[in-house]
Amino acid sequence: MKTDALIEALAKEIEPARPARTRCRFTLAALAGGLLAACVVAALFGIRGDLGQAMPAVIAKTLYCLAAVAAAAPLAFVLSQPNTRMRGWLAPAALLVAASLGVAAWIVAQTPADARFDVWLAGGFPECLRRIPILATPVAVALLFIVRTLSPTRLTLAGAAVGGLSGAIAAVAYSWFCPVDSVAYVATWYLSAMLICAGLGALFGRWLLRW
C-alpha cells in the first residue's frame, strides 16, 4: 500500500474529539470515587454522633472541601489531556492554598498563647493526615482509570493534579466524620492532607499514567 493511501485509510478511522463526553466520563469517575470514599467513611468511621448540633460546622467544612474540589478539578481535567498548558488553571488552586494558610495563621495569632496548639492541633496528631489519603485511594483509582484513556503527556503534573483532586473529594466525605471543627485545624491539616495526596499522585503518576 502506498504511503498516501495508508494515511488516507488511517484518517478515515479517526473520530472527532468530543470534549463533552470526555468531561462527562471524568465527572462520573470523580463522583463514583467520592461515593466509594463516603461508603468507606460510613463503614470504618461512621457519622459523628453530634451531627445535629454540629451541622453548621460540618456544612462549613464541607463547603471548604467543595471549594478545593472546584479549584482542583479544572486543573486535573486539563492536565489529563495531551499537550495542554496549565496557565490560568493553576491560579484557583494556588489562591486556595494561600487563603487557607493565611486564615489559619491569622486565627492562631489571635488566639491566646496557651491555647494556640489546641486550636491548631486539636490536642493531638491530626488524624486527617492519614485518613484523607486512605479515603482518597478509591477516588484516585476511579480517576486514573479514566485519565489513562485520555493520553496525558505531562504525567507527573497530571498525577499530582489527580491526587490533589482525589484528596479534596475524600475530604468532603471525611468532613462528615471528623469531630474537629476548628477553622485553623481544617485550613491547615485538611489542606496538608490534600497536598500529601498531590505529592503521592506526582510520585506514582509517571508510572501509572504511562501509555
N, C-alpha and C. Protein backbone atom coordinates (compact mmCIF):
# COMPACT_ATOMS: atom_id res chain seq x y z
N MET A 1 0.85 -1.19 0.00
CA MET A 1 0.00 0.00 0.00
C MET A 1 0.89 1.25 0.00
N LYS A 2 0.56 2.21 -0.84
CA LYS A 2 1.32 3.43 -0.90
C LYS A 2 1.10 4.26 0.36
N THR A 3 2.08 5.11 0.63
CA THR A 3 2.02 5.92 1.85
C THR A 3 0.78 6.79 1.90
N ASP A 4 0.46 7.45 0.78
CA ASP A 4 -0.72 8.33 0.76
C ASP A 4 -2.00 7.55 1.01
N ALA A 5 -2.07 6.36 0.44
CA ALA A 5 -3.26 5.53 0.64
C ALA A 5 -3.38 5.07 2.09
N LEU A 6 -2.22 4.74 2.70
CA LEU A 6 -2.23 4.32 4.10
C LEU A 6 -2.69 5.45 5.01
N ILE A 7 -2.17 6.66 4.78
CA ILE A 7 -2.57 7.82 5.58
C ILE A 7 -4.05 8.09 5.43
N GLU A 8 -4.54 7.97 4.21
CA GLU A 8 -5.97 8.21 3.97
C GLU A 8 -6.83 7.18 4.69
N ALA A 9 -6.37 5.92 4.68
CA ALA A 9 -7.14 4.87 5.34
C ALA A 9 -7.16 5.07 6.85
N LEU A 10 -6.01 5.47 7.42
CA LEU A 10 -5.96 5.72 8.85
C LEU A 10 -6.80 6.93 9.24
N ALA A 11 -6.79 7.94 8.40
CA ALA A 11 -7.55 9.16 8.70
C ALA A 11 -9.04 8.90 8.74
N LYS A 12 -9.50 7.94 7.95
CA LYS A 12 -10.93 7.64 7.94
C LYS A 12 -11.40 7.05 9.27
N GLU A 13 -10.46 6.44 10.01
CA GLU A 13 -10.82 5.80 11.26
C GLU A 13 -10.75 6.75 12.46
N ILE A 14 -10.26 7.97 12.23
CA ILE A 14 -10.13 8.93 13.32
C ILE A 14 -11.49 9.53 13.65
N GLU A 15 -11.86 9.47 14.92
CA GLU A 15 -13.12 10.07 15.35
C GLU A 15 -12.85 11.45 15.91
N PRO A 16 -13.74 12.41 15.67
CA PRO A 16 -13.53 13.75 16.21
C PRO A 16 -13.57 13.75 17.73
N ALA A 17 -12.78 14.64 18.32
CA ALA A 17 -12.77 14.75 19.78
C ALA A 17 -14.12 15.25 20.28
N ARG A 18 -14.56 14.70 21.38
CA ARG A 18 -15.84 15.08 21.96
C ARG A 18 -15.61 15.51 23.40
N PRO A 19 -15.32 16.80 23.58
CA PRO A 19 -15.00 17.29 24.93
C PRO A 19 -16.10 17.03 25.94
N ALA A 20 -17.35 17.16 25.51
CA ALA A 20 -18.46 16.96 26.44
C ALA A 20 -18.47 15.53 26.98
N ARG A 21 -18.24 14.57 26.09
CA ARG A 21 -18.23 13.17 26.53
C ARG A 21 -17.05 12.92 27.46
N THR A 22 -15.90 13.47 27.13
CA THR A 22 -14.71 13.30 27.97
C THR A 22 -14.94 13.91 29.34
N ARG A 23 -15.51 15.10 29.37
CA ARG A 23 -15.78 15.76 30.65
C ARG A 23 -16.79 14.96 31.47
N CYS A 24 -17.77 14.38 30.80
CA CYS A 24 -18.79 13.59 31.49
C CYS A 24 -18.17 12.34 32.12
N ARG A 25 -17.29 11.67 31.39
CA ARG A 25 -16.63 10.48 31.92
C ARG A 25 -15.76 10.84 33.12
N PHE A 26 -15.06 11.95 33.01
CA PHE A 26 -14.20 12.41 34.10
C PHE A 26 -15.03 12.71 35.34
N THR A 27 -16.15 13.40 35.14
CA THR A 27 -17.03 13.76 36.26
C THR A 27 -17.64 12.52 36.90
N LEU A 28 -18.07 11.58 36.08
CA LEU A 28 -18.66 10.35 36.62
C LEU A 28 -17.64 9.55 37.43
N ALA A 29 -16.39 9.54 36.96
CA ALA A 29 -15.35 8.84 37.70
C ALA A 29 -15.12 9.50 39.06
N ALA A 30 -15.11 10.84 39.08
CA ALA A 30 -14.93 11.56 40.34
C ALA A 30 -16.10 11.29 41.29
N LEU A 31 -17.31 11.29 40.77
CA LEU A 31 -18.48 11.02 41.61
C LEU A 31 -18.48 9.59 42.13
N ALA A 32 -18.09 8.64 41.29
CA ALA A 32 -18.03 7.25 41.72
C ALA A 32 -16.98 7.07 42.81
N GLY A 33 -15.82 7.70 42.64
CA GLY A 33 -14.80 7.62 43.67
C GLY A 33 -15.25 8.27 44.96
N GLY A 34 -15.93 9.41 44.85
CA GLY A 34 -16.45 10.09 46.04
C GLY A 34 -17.47 9.24 46.78
N LEU A 35 -18.31 8.54 46.03
CA LEU A 35 -19.30 7.66 46.65
C LEU A 35 -18.61 6.51 47.38
N LEU A 36 -17.56 5.96 46.79
CA LEU A 36 -16.81 4.89 47.44
C LEU A 36 -16.15 5.40 48.73
N ALA A 37 -15.59 6.63 48.66
CA ALA A 37 -14.97 7.22 49.86
C ALA A 37 -16.01 7.41 50.95
N ALA A 38 -17.21 7.87 50.59
CA ALA A 38 -18.28 8.05 51.57
C ALA A 38 -18.68 6.72 52.20
N CYS A 39 -18.71 5.67 51.40
CA CYS A 39 -19.05 4.34 51.93
C CYS A 39 -17.98 3.86 52.91
N VAL A 40 -16.71 4.15 52.59
CA VAL A 40 -15.62 3.76 53.49
C VAL A 40 -15.73 4.52 54.81
N VAL A 41 -16.05 5.82 54.74
CA VAL A 41 -16.24 6.61 55.96
C VAL A 41 -17.36 6.02 56.80
N ALA A 42 -18.48 5.71 56.16
CA ALA A 42 -19.62 5.16 56.90
C ALA A 42 -19.29 3.81 57.52
N ALA A 43 -18.52 2.99 56.80
CA ALA A 43 -18.22 1.64 57.27
C ALA A 43 -17.14 1.63 58.36
N LEU A 44 -16.10 2.44 58.19
CA LEU A 44 -14.97 2.40 59.11
C LEU A 44 -15.09 3.39 60.26
N PHE A 45 -15.56 4.57 59.97
CA PHE A 45 -15.56 5.64 60.97
C PHE A 45 -16.96 5.97 61.48
N GLY A 46 -17.93 5.96 60.58
CA GLY A 46 -19.29 6.35 60.94
C GLY A 46 -19.46 7.86 60.91
N ILE A 47 -20.70 8.29 60.98
CA ILE A 47 -21.01 9.72 61.03
C ILE A 47 -20.95 10.18 62.48
N ARG A 48 -20.43 11.36 62.73
CA ARG A 48 -20.28 11.83 64.11
C ARG A 48 -21.61 11.86 64.84
N GLY A 49 -21.56 11.51 66.10
CA GLY A 49 -22.78 11.36 66.88
C GLY A 49 -23.53 12.65 67.15
N ASP A 50 -22.81 13.77 67.19
CA ASP A 50 -23.46 15.04 67.48
C ASP A 50 -23.74 15.83 66.21
N LEU A 51 -24.06 15.12 65.14
CA LEU A 51 -24.21 15.76 63.83
C LEU A 51 -25.27 16.85 63.85
N GLY A 52 -26.37 16.61 64.53
CA GLY A 52 -27.43 17.61 64.57
C GLY A 52 -26.96 18.93 65.17
N GLN A 53 -26.25 18.84 66.28
CA GLN A 53 -25.76 20.04 66.95
C GLN A 53 -24.62 20.68 66.17
N ALA A 54 -23.79 19.86 65.53
CA ALA A 54 -22.60 20.36 64.85
C ALA A 54 -22.83 20.64 63.37
N MET A 55 -24.07 20.54 62.91
CA MET A 55 -24.36 20.66 61.49
C MET A 55 -23.79 21.93 60.84
N PRO A 56 -23.92 23.13 61.46
CA PRO A 56 -23.35 24.33 60.81
C PRO A 56 -21.85 24.19 60.57
N ALA A 57 -21.12 23.65 61.55
CA ALA A 57 -19.67 23.49 61.39
C ALA A 57 -19.36 22.44 60.33
N VAL A 58 -20.12 21.36 60.30
CA VAL A 58 -19.91 20.31 59.29
C VAL A 58 -20.16 20.86 57.89
N ILE A 59 -21.21 21.62 57.74
CA ILE A 59 -21.51 22.20 56.43
C ILE A 59 -20.40 23.16 56.01
N ALA A 60 -19.89 23.94 56.97
CA ALA A 60 -18.79 24.87 56.65
C ALA A 60 -17.56 24.10 56.19
N LYS A 61 -17.23 23.00 56.86
CA LYS A 61 -16.08 22.20 56.44
C LYS A 61 -16.32 21.59 55.07
N THR A 62 -17.53 21.12 54.85
CA THR A 62 -17.86 20.52 53.55
C THR A 62 -17.75 21.55 52.43
N LEU A 63 -18.22 22.76 52.69
CA LEU A 63 -18.13 23.82 51.67
C LEU A 63 -16.67 24.15 51.37
N TYR A 64 -15.84 24.16 52.39
CA TYR A 64 -14.41 24.39 52.17
C TYR A 64 -13.82 23.29 51.28
N CYS A 65 -14.16 22.06 51.58
CA CYS A 65 -13.65 20.93 50.78
C CYS A 65 -14.20 20.99 49.35
N LEU A 66 -15.46 21.39 49.19
CA LEU A 66 -16.02 21.53 47.85
C LEU A 66 -15.33 22.64 47.07
N ALA A 67 -14.92 23.70 47.79
CA ALA A 67 -14.15 24.76 47.14
C ALA A 67 -12.82 24.21 46.65
N ALA A 68 -12.21 23.32 47.43
CA ALA A 68 -10.97 22.68 46.99
C ALA A 68 -11.21 21.80 45.77
N VAL A 69 -12.33 21.09 45.75
CA VAL A 69 -12.69 20.29 44.58
C VAL A 69 -12.85 21.17 43.36
N ALA A 70 -13.55 22.29 43.53
CA ALA A 70 -13.78 23.21 42.41
C ALA A 70 -12.48 23.81 41.90
N ALA A 71 -11.52 24.01 42.79
CA ALA A 71 -10.23 24.57 42.38
C ALA A 71 -9.36 23.53 41.69
N ALA A 72 -9.43 22.28 42.15
CA ALA A 72 -8.55 21.23 41.62
C ALA A 72 -9.09 20.56 40.37
N ALA A 73 -10.41 20.46 40.25
CA ALA A 73 -11.00 19.69 39.15
C ALA A 73 -10.64 20.22 37.76
N PRO A 74 -10.76 21.54 37.49
CA PRO A 74 -10.39 22.01 36.15
C PRO A 74 -8.93 21.77 35.82
N LEU A 75 -8.05 21.94 36.81
CA LEU A 75 -6.63 21.71 36.59
C LEU A 75 -6.36 20.24 36.28
N ALA A 76 -6.99 19.35 37.04
CA ALA A 76 -6.80 17.92 36.80
C ALA A 76 -7.34 17.52 35.43
N PHE A 77 -8.48 18.09 35.05
CA PHE A 77 -9.07 17.74 33.76
C PHE A 77 -8.19 18.21 32.61
N VAL A 78 -7.68 19.43 32.71
CA VAL A 78 -6.83 19.98 31.65
C VAL A 78 -5.55 19.17 31.51
N LEU A 79 -4.91 18.84 32.63
CA LEU A 79 -3.66 18.11 32.58
C LEU A 79 -3.86 16.65 32.16
N SER A 80 -5.10 16.19 32.18
CA SER A 80 -5.38 14.83 31.72
C SER A 80 -5.38 14.74 30.19
N GLN A 81 -5.39 15.88 29.53
CA GLN A 81 -5.40 15.92 28.07
C GLN A 81 -3.96 16.00 27.55
N PRO A 82 -3.71 15.55 26.34
CA PRO A 82 -2.35 15.64 25.79
C PRO A 82 -2.00 17.07 25.38
N ASN A 83 -0.74 17.43 25.61
CA ASN A 83 -0.18 18.70 25.13
C ASN A 83 -1.02 19.91 25.57
N THR A 84 -1.27 20.00 26.85
CA THR A 84 -2.06 21.13 27.38
C THR A 84 -1.20 21.97 28.32
N ARG A 85 -1.59 23.22 28.48
CA ARG A 85 -0.92 24.12 29.40
C ARG A 85 -1.81 24.35 30.61
N MET A 86 -1.15 24.58 31.74
CA MET A 86 -1.93 24.77 32.97
C MET A 86 -1.98 26.22 33.40
N ARG A 87 -1.46 27.13 32.59
CA ARG A 87 -1.52 28.54 32.94
C ARG A 87 -2.98 28.98 33.08
N GLY A 88 -3.25 29.71 34.13
CA GLY A 88 -4.62 30.15 34.37
C GLY A 88 -5.40 29.16 35.19
N TRP A 89 -5.24 27.86 34.90
CA TRP A 89 -5.96 26.83 35.66
C TRP A 89 -5.32 26.59 37.02
N LEU A 90 -4.06 26.98 37.17
CA LEU A 90 -3.37 26.79 38.44
C LEU A 90 -3.75 27.85 39.47
N ALA A 91 -4.21 29.01 38.99
CA ALA A 91 -4.49 30.13 39.88
C ALA A 91 -5.51 29.82 40.98
N PRO A 92 -6.66 29.19 40.70
CA PRO A 92 -7.62 28.91 41.78
C PRO A 92 -7.03 28.02 42.88
N ALA A 93 -6.26 27.01 42.48
CA ALA A 93 -5.66 26.12 43.48
C ALA A 93 -4.64 26.88 44.32
N ALA A 94 -3.82 27.70 43.67
CA ALA A 94 -2.82 28.48 44.40
C ALA A 94 -3.49 29.48 45.34
N LEU A 95 -4.58 30.08 44.90
CA LEU A 95 -5.32 31.02 45.74
C LEU A 95 -5.91 30.32 46.96
N LEU A 96 -6.43 29.12 46.77
CA LEU A 96 -7.00 28.36 47.89
C LEU A 96 -5.92 28.05 48.92
N VAL A 97 -4.75 27.63 48.45
CA VAL A 97 -3.65 27.32 49.37
C VAL A 97 -3.24 28.56 50.15
N ALA A 98 -3.05 29.67 49.45
CA ALA A 98 -2.63 30.91 50.11
C ALA A 98 -3.68 31.39 51.10
N ALA A 99 -4.95 31.34 50.72
CA ALA A 99 -6.03 31.79 51.60
C ALA A 99 -6.14 30.90 52.83
N SER A 100 -6.00 29.60 52.64
CA SER A 100 -6.10 28.67 53.76
C SER A 100 -5.00 28.92 54.78
N LEU A 101 -3.77 29.05 54.30
CA LEU A 101 -2.65 29.29 55.21
C LEU A 101 -2.77 30.65 55.88
N GLY A 102 -3.24 31.64 55.13
CA GLY A 102 -3.40 32.97 55.70
C GLY A 102 -4.45 32.99 56.80
N VAL A 103 -5.59 32.35 56.56
CA VAL A 103 -6.66 32.30 57.57
C VAL A 103 -6.19 31.54 58.80
N ALA A 104 -5.52 30.40 58.59
CA ALA A 104 -5.04 29.60 59.73
C ALA A 104 -4.05 30.40 60.56
N ALA A 105 -3.12 31.08 59.91
CA ALA A 105 -2.12 31.88 60.63
C ALA A 105 -2.77 33.02 61.40
N TRP A 106 -3.75 33.66 60.80
CA TRP A 106 -4.43 34.78 61.46
C TRP A 106 -5.18 34.32 62.70
N ILE A 107 -5.89 33.18 62.58
CA ILE A 107 -6.65 32.67 63.73
C ILE A 107 -5.72 32.26 64.86
N VAL A 108 -4.65 31.56 64.53
CA VAL A 108 -3.69 31.15 65.57
C VAL A 108 -3.07 32.36 66.24
N ALA A 109 -2.76 33.39 65.45
CA ALA A 109 -2.16 34.61 66.01
C ALA A 109 -3.11 35.33 66.95
N GLN A 110 -4.43 35.24 66.68
CA GLN A 110 -5.42 35.91 67.51
C GLN A 110 -5.79 35.12 68.76
N THR A 111 -5.34 33.87 68.82
CA THR A 111 -5.67 33.02 69.96
C THR A 111 -4.65 33.22 71.09
N PRO A 112 -5.09 33.20 72.34
CA PRO A 112 -4.13 33.30 73.46
C PRO A 112 -3.04 32.24 73.34
N ALA A 113 -1.83 32.60 73.74
CA ALA A 113 -0.67 31.75 73.53
C ALA A 113 -0.84 30.35 74.11
N ASP A 114 -1.49 30.25 75.28
CA ASP A 114 -1.62 28.95 75.92
C ASP A 114 -2.66 28.05 75.26
N ALA A 115 -3.43 28.59 74.32
CA ALA A 115 -4.46 27.78 73.65
C ALA A 115 -4.18 27.57 72.17
N ARG A 116 -3.07 28.08 71.68
CA ARG A 116 -2.81 28.03 70.25
C ARG A 116 -2.65 26.61 69.72
N PHE A 117 -1.94 25.77 70.47
CA PHE A 117 -1.74 24.41 69.99
C PHE A 117 -3.04 23.62 69.99
N ASP A 118 -3.93 23.90 70.95
CA ASP A 118 -5.23 23.23 70.97
C ASP A 118 -6.07 23.64 69.75
N VAL A 119 -6.02 24.91 69.40
CA VAL A 119 -6.76 25.39 68.24
C VAL A 119 -6.19 24.84 66.95
N TRP A 120 -4.87 24.75 66.90
CA TRP A 120 -4.19 24.36 65.67
C TRP A 120 -4.11 22.84 65.48
N LEU A 121 -3.84 22.11 66.59
CA LEU A 121 -3.64 20.67 66.51
C LEU A 121 -4.79 19.86 67.09
N ALA A 122 -5.75 20.55 67.73
CA ALA A 122 -6.89 19.87 68.35
C ALA A 122 -6.43 18.85 69.39
N GLY A 123 -5.32 19.13 70.06
CA GLY A 123 -4.91 18.30 71.17
C GLY A 123 -4.13 17.06 70.82
N GLY A 124 -3.76 16.85 69.58
CA GLY A 124 -3.00 15.65 69.22
C GLY A 124 -2.62 15.63 67.76
N PHE A 125 -2.16 14.47 67.31
CA PHE A 125 -1.75 14.33 65.92
C PHE A 125 -2.97 14.48 65.01
N PRO A 126 -2.88 15.28 63.95
CA PRO A 126 -4.02 15.44 63.03
C PRO A 126 -4.32 14.15 62.28
N GLU A 127 -5.37 13.46 62.69
CA GLU A 127 -5.70 12.17 62.08
C GLU A 127 -6.04 12.30 60.59
N CYS A 128 -6.47 13.48 60.18
CA CYS A 128 -6.84 13.63 58.77
C CYS A 128 -5.63 13.46 57.85
N LEU A 129 -4.41 13.62 58.38
CA LEU A 129 -3.23 13.48 57.54
C LEU A 129 -3.06 12.05 57.04
N ARG A 130 -3.59 11.09 57.75
CA ARG A 130 -3.51 9.71 57.27
C ARG A 130 -4.85 9.18 56.76
N ARG A 131 -5.93 9.70 57.32
CA ARG A 131 -7.23 9.16 56.92
C ARG A 131 -7.69 9.69 55.57
N ILE A 132 -7.44 10.97 55.28
CA ILE A 132 -7.86 11.51 53.99
C ILE A 132 -7.11 10.84 52.84
N PRO A 133 -5.77 10.65 52.92
CA PRO A 133 -5.11 9.91 51.84
C PRO A 133 -5.64 8.49 51.66
N ILE A 134 -5.99 7.83 52.76
CA ILE A 134 -6.57 6.48 52.64
C ILE A 134 -7.90 6.55 51.90
N LEU A 135 -8.74 7.51 52.28
CA LEU A 135 -10.04 7.66 51.63
C LEU A 135 -9.89 8.11 50.18
N ALA A 136 -8.78 8.78 49.88
CA ALA A 136 -8.57 9.26 48.51
C ALA A 136 -8.20 8.14 47.55
N THR A 137 -7.80 6.99 48.08
CA THR A 137 -7.33 5.90 47.22
C THR A 137 -8.40 5.43 46.23
N PRO A 138 -9.64 5.12 46.66
CA PRO A 138 -10.64 4.70 45.68
C PRO A 138 -10.99 5.80 44.68
N VAL A 139 -10.92 7.05 45.12
CA VAL A 139 -11.18 8.16 44.21
C VAL A 139 -10.10 8.22 43.14
N ALA A 140 -8.85 8.09 43.57
CA ALA A 140 -7.73 8.14 42.63
C ALA A 140 -7.79 6.98 41.64
N VAL A 141 -8.15 5.81 42.12
CA VAL A 141 -8.25 4.65 41.23
C VAL A 141 -9.30 4.89 40.15
N ALA A 142 -10.45 5.41 40.56
CA ALA A 142 -11.52 5.69 39.58
C ALA A 142 -11.08 6.74 38.57
N LEU A 143 -10.42 7.79 39.04
CA LEU A 143 -9.98 8.86 38.14
C LEU A 143 -8.86 8.39 37.23
N LEU A 144 -7.89 7.66 37.78
CA LEU A 144 -6.78 7.19 36.96
C LEU A 144 -7.24 6.25 35.85
N PHE A 145 -8.27 5.49 36.13
CA PHE A 145 -8.82 4.58 35.11
C PHE A 145 -9.28 5.37 33.89
N ILE A 146 -9.87 6.54 34.12
CA ILE A 146 -10.32 7.38 33.02
C ILE A 146 -9.18 8.19 32.42
N VAL A 147 -8.34 8.75 33.27
CA VAL A 147 -7.27 9.62 32.79
C VAL A 147 -6.30 8.86 31.89
N ARG A 148 -6.06 7.60 32.18
CA ARG A 148 -5.17 6.80 31.33
C ARG A 148 -5.67 6.73 29.89
N THR A 149 -6.98 6.78 29.72
CA THR A 149 -7.55 6.69 28.37
C THR A 149 -7.50 8.03 27.64
N LEU A 150 -7.13 9.11 28.33
CA LEU A 150 -7.12 10.44 27.73
C LEU A 150 -5.74 10.84 27.21
N SER A 151 -4.76 9.95 27.38
CA SER A 151 -3.41 10.14 26.84
C SER A 151 -2.73 11.42 27.34
N PRO A 152 -2.60 11.59 28.65
CA PRO A 152 -1.88 12.77 29.15
C PRO A 152 -0.41 12.70 28.77
N THR A 153 0.21 13.83 28.59
CA THR A 153 1.63 13.87 28.22
C THR A 153 2.51 14.40 29.33
N ARG A 154 1.96 15.12 30.28
CA ARG A 154 2.73 15.64 31.42
C ARG A 154 2.36 14.80 32.63
N LEU A 155 2.95 13.62 32.68
CA LEU A 155 2.47 12.58 33.59
C LEU A 155 2.62 12.95 35.07
N THR A 156 3.74 13.53 35.44
CA THR A 156 3.94 13.89 36.84
C THR A 156 2.94 14.95 37.29
N LEU A 157 2.77 15.97 36.45
CA LEU A 157 1.82 17.04 36.79
C LEU A 157 0.38 16.52 36.78
N ALA A 158 0.06 15.68 35.81
CA ALA A 158 -1.29 15.11 35.77
C ALA A 158 -1.54 14.25 37.00
N GLY A 159 -0.54 13.46 37.40
CA GLY A 159 -0.68 12.64 38.60
C GLY A 159 -0.88 13.48 39.85
N ALA A 160 -0.12 14.60 39.94
CA ALA A 160 -0.27 15.49 41.10
C ALA A 160 -1.66 16.10 41.13
N ALA A 161 -2.16 16.54 39.99
CA ALA A 161 -3.48 17.16 39.93
C ALA A 161 -4.57 16.16 40.28
N VAL A 162 -4.46 14.96 39.75
CA VAL A 162 -5.45 13.92 40.06
C VAL A 162 -5.38 13.55 41.54
N GLY A 163 -4.16 13.47 42.09
CA GLY A 163 -4.02 13.17 43.51
C GLY A 163 -4.62 14.26 44.39
N GLY A 164 -4.36 15.52 44.03
CA GLY A 164 -4.94 16.62 44.80
C GLY A 164 -6.45 16.63 44.74
N LEU A 165 -6.99 16.38 43.55
CA LEU A 165 -8.44 16.32 43.40
C LEU A 165 -9.02 15.16 44.21
N SER A 166 -8.35 14.03 44.17
CA SER A 166 -8.82 12.87 44.94
C SER A 166 -8.83 13.18 46.43
N GLY A 167 -7.79 13.87 46.90
CA GLY A 167 -7.75 14.25 48.30
C GLY A 167 -8.86 15.20 48.68
N ALA A 168 -9.16 16.15 47.80
CA ALA A 168 -10.24 17.10 48.07
C ALA A 168 -11.59 16.40 48.13
N ILE A 169 -11.82 15.47 47.21
CA ILE A 169 -13.08 14.72 47.21
C ILE A 169 -13.18 13.86 48.46
N ALA A 170 -12.07 13.22 48.83
CA ALA A 170 -12.06 12.40 50.05
C ALA A 170 -12.32 13.26 51.29
N ALA A 171 -11.81 14.48 51.28
CA ALA A 171 -12.01 15.38 52.43
C ALA A 171 -13.48 15.74 52.59
N VAL A 172 -14.20 15.83 51.49
CA VAL A 172 -15.64 16.09 51.57
C VAL A 172 -16.32 14.99 52.38
N ALA A 173 -15.98 13.74 52.05
CA ALA A 173 -16.58 12.62 52.78
C ALA A 173 -16.12 12.60 54.23
N TYR A 174 -14.85 12.87 54.45
CA TYR A 174 -14.29 12.81 55.81
C TYR A 174 -14.85 13.90 56.71
N SER A 175 -15.23 15.01 56.14
CA SER A 175 -15.73 16.13 56.95
C SER A 175 -16.99 15.77 57.72
N TRP A 176 -17.70 14.73 57.30
CA TRP A 176 -18.92 14.32 58.00
C TRP A 176 -18.63 13.40 59.18
N PHE A 177 -17.37 12.97 59.30
CA PHE A 177 -16.97 12.18 60.46
C PHE A 177 -16.09 12.97 61.41
N CYS A 178 -15.21 13.79 60.87
CA CYS A 178 -14.20 14.48 61.67
C CYS A 178 -14.83 15.26 62.82
N PRO A 179 -14.42 15.00 64.06
CA PRO A 179 -15.02 15.68 65.21
C PRO A 179 -14.41 17.05 65.50
N VAL A 180 -13.37 17.44 64.74
CA VAL A 180 -12.69 18.71 64.99
C VAL A 180 -13.26 19.78 64.07
N ASP A 181 -13.71 20.88 64.64
CA ASP A 181 -14.34 21.93 63.86
C ASP A 181 -13.53 23.23 63.83
N SER A 182 -12.36 23.23 64.41
CA SER A 182 -11.53 24.43 64.44
C SER A 182 -11.16 24.86 63.02
N VAL A 183 -11.39 26.12 62.73
CA VAL A 183 -11.08 26.64 61.38
C VAL A 183 -9.60 26.53 61.10
N ALA A 184 -8.76 26.85 62.08
CA ALA A 184 -7.31 26.77 61.88
C ALA A 184 -6.88 25.33 61.60
N TYR A 185 -7.50 24.38 62.30
CA TYR A 185 -7.20 22.96 62.08
C TYR A 185 -7.57 22.54 60.66
N VAL A 186 -8.78 22.85 60.26
CA VAL A 186 -9.25 22.45 58.93
C VAL A 186 -8.42 23.12 57.84
N ALA A 187 -8.19 24.43 57.97
CA ALA A 187 -7.47 25.16 56.94
C ALA A 187 -6.03 24.69 56.81
N THR A 188 -5.45 24.19 57.91
CA THR A 188 -4.07 23.73 57.86
C THR A 188 -3.96 22.27 57.48
N TRP A 189 -4.65 21.40 58.21
CA TRP A 189 -4.39 19.97 58.08
C TRP A 189 -5.21 19.31 56.99
N TYR A 190 -6.42 19.76 56.74
CA TYR A 190 -7.14 19.26 55.58
C TYR A 190 -6.34 19.61 54.31
N LEU A 191 -5.89 20.85 54.27
CA LEU A 191 -5.08 21.28 53.11
C LEU A 191 -3.81 20.44 53.01
N SER A 192 -3.15 20.21 54.13
CA SER A 192 -1.92 19.40 54.13
C SER A 192 -2.20 17.99 53.63
N ALA A 193 -3.32 17.41 54.04
CA ALA A 193 -3.68 16.07 53.58
C ALA A 193 -3.90 16.05 52.06
N MET A 194 -4.54 17.09 51.54
CA MET A 194 -4.74 17.18 50.09
C MET A 194 -3.40 17.31 49.36
N LEU A 195 -2.48 18.08 49.94
CA LEU A 195 -1.16 18.24 49.32
C LEU A 195 -0.36 16.95 49.39
N ILE A 196 -0.54 16.18 50.45
CA ILE A 196 0.09 14.86 50.51
C ILE A 196 -0.42 13.98 49.38
N CYS A 197 -1.73 14.02 49.17
CA CYS A 197 -2.32 13.24 48.07
C CYS A 197 -1.75 13.70 46.73
N ALA A 198 -1.58 15.02 46.57
CA ALA A 198 -1.00 15.54 45.34
C ALA A 198 0.44 15.05 45.17
N GLY A 199 1.19 15.04 46.27
CA GLY A 199 2.56 14.54 46.20
C GLY A 199 2.63 13.07 45.83
N LEU A 200 1.76 12.27 46.42
CA LEU A 200 1.72 10.85 46.07
C LEU A 200 1.31 10.66 44.62
N GLY A 201 0.37 11.50 44.16
CA GLY A 201 -0.03 11.41 42.76
C GLY A 201 1.11 11.75 41.82
N ALA A 202 1.90 12.76 42.17
CA ALA A 202 3.05 13.12 41.36
C ALA A 202 4.08 12.00 41.35
N LEU A 203 4.26 11.35 42.51
CA LEU A 203 5.25 10.29 42.64
C LEU A 203 4.90 9.07 41.79
N PHE A 204 3.62 8.67 41.84
CA PHE A 204 3.22 7.46 41.13
C PHE A 204 2.63 7.72 39.75
N GLY A 205 2.27 8.97 39.49
CA GLY A 205 1.61 9.27 38.22
C GLY A 205 2.47 8.98 37.01
N ARG A 206 3.76 9.19 37.11
CA ARG A 206 4.64 8.99 35.95
C ARG A 206 4.65 7.54 35.48
N TRP A 207 4.33 6.61 36.41
CA TRP A 207 4.24 5.20 36.03
C TRP A 207 2.81 4.76 35.77
N LEU A 208 1.90 5.17 36.63
CA LEU A 208 0.52 4.72 36.48
C LEU A 208 -0.17 5.29 35.25
N LEU A 209 0.27 6.47 34.80
CA LEU A 209 -0.36 7.11 33.66
C LEU A 209 0.40 6.88 32.35
N ARG A 210 1.46 6.12 32.43
CA ARG A 210 2.25 5.87 31.23
C ARG A 210 1.43 5.07 30.22
N TRP A 211 1.54 5.43 28.95
CA TRP A 211 0.76 4.75 27.90
C TRP A 211 1.62 4.50 26.68
